[in-house]
């Protein structure tokens, strides 16, 4: 498995009794994915995406890496 493939394989889990973390992670992934699509439609360079999007990714630390690497 290459490093890029490893980055795109993310295991999402939650602690017993705290499903809100899973919900927050899903919402953040959706937000980051939408932002990447918006930047792409605006004609931005793919190399800029990580710096732009990672500022807003709080909960899932590798969300940006996963989405950028899956392109």
Protein backbone atom coordinates (compact mmCIF):
# COMPACT_ATOMS: atom_id res chain seq x y z
CA UNK A 1 0.00 0.00 0.00
CA UNK A 2 1.39 3.38 -0.98
CA UNK A 3 1.49 6.35 1.36
CA UNK A 4 -1.33 8.03 -0.58
CA UNK A 5 -3.51 4.94 -0.26
CA UNK A 6 -2.77 4.78 3.46
CA UNK A 7 -3.89 8.39 3.89
CA UNK A 8 -7.20 7.72 2.16
CA UNK A 9 -8.04 4.74 4.38
CA UNK A 10 -9.47 6.29 7.52
CA UNK A 11 -11.20 4.38 10.27
CA UNK A 12 -13.95 6.46 11.83
CA UNK A 13 -14.91 5.33 15.31
CA UNK A 14 -16.66 6.70 18.36
CA UNK A 15 -16.32 6.16 22.06
CA UNK A 16 -19.13 4.32 23.77
CA UNK A 17 -21.80 6.75 24.80
CA UNK A 18 -20.45 9.65 22.75
CA UNK A 19 -21.83 9.31 19.23
CA UNK A 20 -21.73 13.09 18.80
CA UNK A 21 -18.02 12.83 17.91
CA UNK A 22 -18.88 10.60 14.97
CA UNK A 23 -21.54 13.07 13.85
CA UNK A 24 -19.10 16.01 14.15
CA UNK A 25 -16.43 14.13 12.20
CA UNK A 26 -18.89 13.34 9.42
CA UNK A 27 -19.97 16.98 9.18
CA UNK A 28 -16.37 18.16 9.10
CA UNK A 29 -15.48 15.68 6.34
CA UNK A 30 -18.45 16.90 4.33
CA UNK A 31 -17.44 20.54 4.85
CA UNK A 32 -13.84 19.92 3.81
CA UNK A 33 -14.95 17.94 0.76
CA UNK A 34 -17.30 20.74 -0.30
CA UNK A 35 -14.55 23.32 0.14
CA UNK A 36 -12.18 21.26 -2.04
CA UNK A 37 -14.84 21.04 -4.75
CA UNK A 38 -15.46 24.78 -4.56
CA UNK A 39 -11.75 25.55 -4.90
CA UNK A 40 -11.50 23.15 -7.83
CA UNK A 41 -14.45 24.76 -9.63
CA UNK A 42 -12.86 28.18 -9.02
CA UNK A 43 -9.77 26.97 -10.90
CA UNK A 44 -7.40 27.01 -7.93
CA UNK A 45 -4.21 24.96 -8.02
CA UNK A 46 -4.48 21.57 -6.26
CA UNK A 47 -1.22 22.27 -4.42
CA UNK A 48 -2.90 25.18 -2.61
CA UNK A 49 -5.86 23.20 -1.30
CA UNK A 50 -4.19 21.74 1.78
CA UNK A 51 -3.08 25.10 3.14
CA UNK A 52 -6.44 26.71 2.49
CA UNK A 53 -8.69 23.95 3.83
CA UNK A 54 -6.72 22.67 6.82
CA UNK A 55 -7.27 25.94 8.70
CA UNK A 56 -10.93 24.99 9.18
CA UNK A 57 -10.43 21.29 9.97
CA UNK A 58 -10.53 21.01 13.74
CA UNK A 59 -11.86 17.59 14.70
CA UNK A 60 -10.37 15.14 12.22
CA UNK A 61 -6.68 15.92 11.92
CA UNK A 62 -6.12 14.04 8.68
CA UNK A 63 -9.38 15.01 6.97
CA UNK A 64 -7.66 17.38 4.57
CA UNK A 65 -4.92 14.88 3.72
CA UNK A 66 -7.48 12.19 2.96
CA UNK A 67 -9.59 14.33 0.68
CA UNK A 68 -6.66 15.95 -1.15
CA UNK A 69 -4.94 12.58 -1.61
CA UNK A 70 -8.06 10.93 -2.99
CA UNK A 71 -8.27 13.23 -6.01
